[in-house]
Every structure is written in structure tokens, then in C-alpha cells.
């Protein structure tokens, strides 16, 4: 029986790299995969999953309202899929996470979703909330804070390098806008070398 796997972490933990390695493993064995990433983030070009270490591959984008069950089901009907992989899974909607469960349960295709658990305020993203609630297998990918402890939080930093807790939940950016912190450094506003 196929499952929905959710691999979650703070920024810079290697989520996209892990996804790309999993995809490579399937392809190397002659299996067929379908990859998705969010349409929201096109910093590295649309329709691509790119890791910070420079590995990339083409992917289909998903947007709010897309029916992932219909998209995957149509592709699976034409040629059997062995795995669905989703990058930036925090941006999935509640309905889309439910659809991922149906992909695993009804199509018997495993789903590997990779994403952030929480936003810069320490609040769950909608996609992450429902993946944590409904996923079959939850796996944390670890990274470290500047203080050496395990980083579990993501802080947004402003132009002066200070932590900010104001603004929209989604603001696309990389290392210039976000830093991974342990809970204590997040709470105290200590963002590291910039302090």
C-alpha cells in the first residue's frame, strides 16, 4: 500500500536536494516519476526544482486550486507512475493534501512531499498543517542554528539583518531574507553573525 510521506525542516536543511536524490533513485531503476513545485517561486525559472547546491530538474508547477488527483490520475492512466514528488509542499492547500492521500490510497502511488513546517512567525503553513495531520510517515530533515543547536524555526530578516515578525506569510526569498534558528535564538531574535 502506498503512503504519503512528509519530509519537513527549516530552511537550508537540504529538502530539495533530498527530493532530487529520491527522484534520481527512482529514475536509475527505470521507474517513472512526476515532480511538482510551487508556481509561487520562480526565482530559478518556472517549472524547475533547484537545490542550493546547484542540482536541478524540470517539474510541473502547482497553484492554488489545481486538482492534483486529476493531474496525476490522468498521467498515471497514460503510463503508470511509480512515485509523485512535491517540493515546497508547505504551499499546498488543504484540498490538495487530501488529494495526495487519494493518490496514495486509490492510485497506489507513493507521494513524497518536502517542505517547511512553519513560517517566519512560527505558525504552520496550511499545506504543512495537513501533511502533519494526514501524512502516513513524517520525517524531519535536520539543520543547525548558528549557535550549534538543532534549527527548527525560520526567521525572516529585514534589509538591516534584524529579525522581523511583520508582513505577509508568503514572501519568496532565500538566504538574503531567511535564516534557520533554534527556538531559543528565534525567541530572542538572535540571527547570528549579523547580530
Protein backbone atom coordinates (compact mmCIF):
# COMPACT_ATOMS: atom_id res chain seq x y z
CA UNK A 1 0.00 0.00 0.00
CA UNK A 2 1.37 3.40 -1.00
CA UNK A 3 1.84 6.14 1.59
CA UNK A 4 2.08 9.91 1.85
CA UNK A 5 5.49 10.88 3.24
CA UNK A 6 6.17 14.37 4.56
CA UNK A 7 9.79 15.44 4.90
CA UNK A 8 9.87 18.75 6.78
CA UNK A 9 12.60 21.05 8.01
CA UNK A 10 13.74 24.62 8.43
CA UNK A 11 15.46 26.47 5.57
CA UNK A 12 18.80 25.16 4.26
CA UNK A 13 18.32 21.61 5.55
CA UNK A 14 18.58 20.04 2.10
CA UNK A 15 14.91 19.29 1.39
CA UNK A 16 15.16 19.92 -2.36
CA UNK A 17 18.44 18.01 -2.53
CA UNK A 18 16.82 15.03 -0.79
CA UNK A 19 13.87 15.19 -3.21
CA UNK A 20 16.18 15.28 -6.22
CA UNK A 21 18.18 12.33 -4.84
CA UNK A 22 14.98 10.31 -4.29
CA UNK A 23 13.88 11.13 -7.85
CA UNK A 24 17.29 10.05 -9.19
CA UNK A 25 16.98 6.74 -7.34
CA UNK A 26 13.61 6.02 -8.97
CA UNK A 27 14.83 7.00 -12.44
CA UNK A 28 18.02 4.99 -12.10
CA UNK A 29 15.87 1.90 -11.57
CA UNK A 30 13.83 2.58 -14.71
CA UNK A 31 10.82 3.85 -12.79
CA UNK A 32 8.57 6.77 -13.74
CA UNK A 33 8.08 9.81 -11.51
CA UNK A 34 6.09 13.02 -11.60
CA UNK A 35 7.53 16.11 -9.93
CA UNK A 36 5.75 19.24 -8.74
CA UNK A 37 6.90 22.55 -7.33
CA UNK A 38 5.01 25.71 -6.47
CA UNK A 39 4.14 28.27 -9.12
CA UNK A 40 4.72 30.98 -6.48
CA UNK A 41 8.52 30.75 -6.56
CA UNK A 42 10.12 31.29 -9.97
CA UNK A 43 13.47 32.68 -8.78
CA UNK A 44 15.32 29.86 -10.57
CA UNK A 45 12.95 29.80 -13.54
CA UNK A 46 9.48 28.36 -13.79
CA UNK A 47 9.00 24.60 -13.91
CA UNK A 48 12.22 23.67 -12.10
CA UNK A 49 13.27 22.26 -8.76
CA UNK A 50 16.68 23.65 -7.84
CA UNK A 51 18.72 22.83 -4.75
CA UNK A 52 21.08 25.31 -3.12
CA UNK A 53 24.00 23.08 -4.10
CA UNK A 54 23.14 23.52 -7.79
CA UNK A 55 21.28 20.35 -8.73
CA UNK A 56 18.13 20.94 -10.78
CA UNK A 57 15.44 19.13 -12.73
CA UNK A 58 12.27 20.02 -14.56
CA UNK A 59 8.98 19.88 -12.69
CA UNK A 60 5.36 20.74 -13.18
CA UNK A 61 4.13 23.69 -11.12
CA UNK A 62 1.08 23.62 -8.88
CA UNK A 63 -1.05 26.60 -7.95
CA UNK A 64 -3.91 27.08 -5.56
CA UNK A 65 -6.97 25.36 -6.95
CA UNK A 66 -5.11 22.82 -9.10
CA UNK A 67 -6.60 19.33 -8.79
CA UNK A 68 -3.52 17.18 -8.18
CA UNK A 69 -5.56 13.97 -8.15
CA UNK A 70 -6.89 14.71 -11.64
CA UNK A 71 -3.45 15.74 -12.96
CA UNK A 72 -1.66 12.71 -11.51
CA UNK A 73 -4.54 10.37 -12.32
CA UNK A 74 -4.53 11.42 -15.97
CA UNK A 75 -0.76 10.90 -16.27
CA UNK A 76 -0.93 7.59 -14.38
CA UNK A 77 -3.66 6.34 -16.71
CA UNK A 78 -1.50 7.02 -19.78
CA UNK A 79 1.66 5.50 -18.32
CA UNK A 80 1.96 4.02 -14.85
CA UNK A 81 3.68 6.27 -12.28
CA UNK A 82 5.90 4.87 -9.54
CA UNK A 83 6.16 8.00 -7.38
CA UNK A 84 4.96 11.59 -7.07
CA UNK A 85 7.42 14.07 -5.55
CA UNK A 86 6.42 17.54 -4.36
CA UNK A 87 8.80 20.38 -3.49
CA UNK A 88 7.67 23.42 -1.46
CA UNK A 89 4.78 21.34 -0.08
CA UNK A 90 4.01 24.00 2.54
CA UNK A 91 2.21 25.89 -0.24
CA UNK A 92 -0.32 23.10 -0.86
CA UNK A 93 -3.93 23.76 0.11
CA UNK A 94 -5.94 21.58 2.48
CA UNK A 95 -7.81 20.14 -0.53
CA UNK A 96 -4.56 19.35 -2.34
CA UNK A 97 -3.17 17.48 0.68
CA UNK A 98 -6.41 15.47 0.76
CA UNK A 99 -5.88 14.73 -2.95
CA UNK A 100 -2.38 13.44 -2.20
CA UNK A 101 -3.92 10.96 0.21
CA UNK A 102 -6.25 9.79 -2.55
CA UNK A 103 -3.28 9.42 -4.94
CA UNK A 104 -1.65 7.07 -2.43
CA UNK A 105 -4.86 5.26 -1.44
CA UNK A 106 -6.71 4.98 -4.76
CA UNK A 107 -3.92 5.02 -7.34
CA UNK A 108 -1.45 3.17 -5.09
CA UNK A 109 1.29 5.68 -5.98
CA UNK A 110 3.56 6.84 -3.14
CA UNK A 111 3.77 10.59 -2.57
CA UNK A 112 6.94 12.20 -1.20
CA UNK A 113 6.28 15.79 -0.10
CA UNK A 114 9.08 18.11 1.05
CA UNK A 115 8.56 21.47 2.72
CA UNK A 116 8.87 23.89 5.58
CA UNK A 117 6.90 23.15 8.72
CA UNK A 118 6.43 26.73 9.92
CA UNK A 119 6.63 30.28 8.64
CA UNK A 120 8.73 33.21 9.95
CA UNK A 121 6.24 33.77 12.79
CA UNK A 122 6.39 30.15 13.96
CA UNK A 123 2.93 29.40 12.52
CA UNK A 124 2.15 26.31 10.45
CA UNK A 125 1.66 26.71 6.73
CA UNK A 126 -1.66 25.27 5.51
CA UNK A 127 -0.01 22.51 3.47
CA UNK A 128 2.31 21.55 6.32
CA UNK A 129 -0.53 21.55 8.83
CA UNK A 130 -2.49 18.99 6.86
CA UNK A 131 0.52 16.93 5.86
CA UNK A 132 1.42 16.65 9.55
CA UNK A 133 -2.18 15.72 10.33
CA UNK A 134 -2.86 13.31 7.46
CA UNK A 135 0.56 12.07 6.33
CA UNK A 136 1.40 8.42 6.85
CA UNK A 137 5.10 8.89 7.53
CA UNK A 138 6.58 12.11 8.92
CA UNK A 139 10.33 12.65 8.72
CA UNK A 140 12.32 15.63 9.95
CA UNK A 141 15.37 16.69 7.95
CA UNK A 142 17.72 18.42 10.35
CA UNK A 143 19.86 21.51 10.07
CA UNK A 144 21.64 23.63 12.67
CA UNK A 145 21.33 27.11 14.10
CA UNK A 146 24.29 29.48 14.22
CA UNK A 147 24.59 28.63 17.95
CA UNK A 148 25.07 24.92 17.18
CA UNK A 149 21.66 23.66 18.36
CA UNK A 150 19.15 22.00 16.05
CA UNK A 151 17.32 24.63 13.99
CA UNK A 152 13.56 24.18 13.99
CA UNK A 153 12.40 27.71 13.14
CA UNK A 154 12.69 30.06 10.17
CA UNK A 155 13.25 33.77 10.79
CA UNK A 156 12.66 36.49 8.22
CA UNK A 157 15.30 39.20 8.26
CA UNK A 158 14.95 42.76 7.06
CA UNK A 159 17.42 44.82 5.00
CA UNK A 160 19.44 45.65 8.12
CA UNK A 161 19.77 41.97 9.08
CA UNK A 162 17.31 42.10 12.00
CA UNK A 163 14.55 39.56 12.58
CA UNK A 164 11.08 40.75 11.61
CA UNK A 165 7.72 39.32 12.59
CA UNK A 166 5.53 41.57 10.42
CA UNK A 167 4.28 41.04 6.90
CA UNK A 168 2.52 38.54 4.70
CA UNK A 169 3.03 34.85 5.43
CA UNK A 170 4.47 34.23 1.97
CA UNK A 171 7.38 36.33 0.76
CA UNK A 172 9.68 34.48 -1.58
CA UNK A 173 13.37 34.68 -0.76
CA UNK A 174 16.49 32.75 0.05
CA UNK A 175 19.44 33.32 2.34
CA UNK A 176 19.12 37.09 1.92
CA UNK A 177 15.66 37.03 3.58
CA UNK A 178 15.54 33.94 5.82
CA UNK A 179 17.72 32.17 8.36
CA UNK A 180 17.17 28.91 10.25
CA UNK A 181 17.28 29.18 14.04
CA UNK A 182 16.75 27.09 17.15
CA UNK A 183 13.69 28.02 19.20
CA UNK A 184 15.75 29.99 21.75
CA UNK A 185 17.53 32.14 19.14
CA UNK A 186 14.21 32.62 17.31
CA UNK A 187 12.53 33.79 20.52
CA UNK A 188 15.38 36.13 21.44
CA UNK A 189 15.84 37.50 17.90
CA UNK A 190 19.45 36.35 17.65
CA UNK A 191 20.03 35.75 13.94
CA UNK A 192 23.73 35.02 14.09
CA UNK A 193 26.74 36.76 12.59
CA UNK A 194 24.60 39.76 11.64
CA UNK A 195 23.66 40.49 15.30
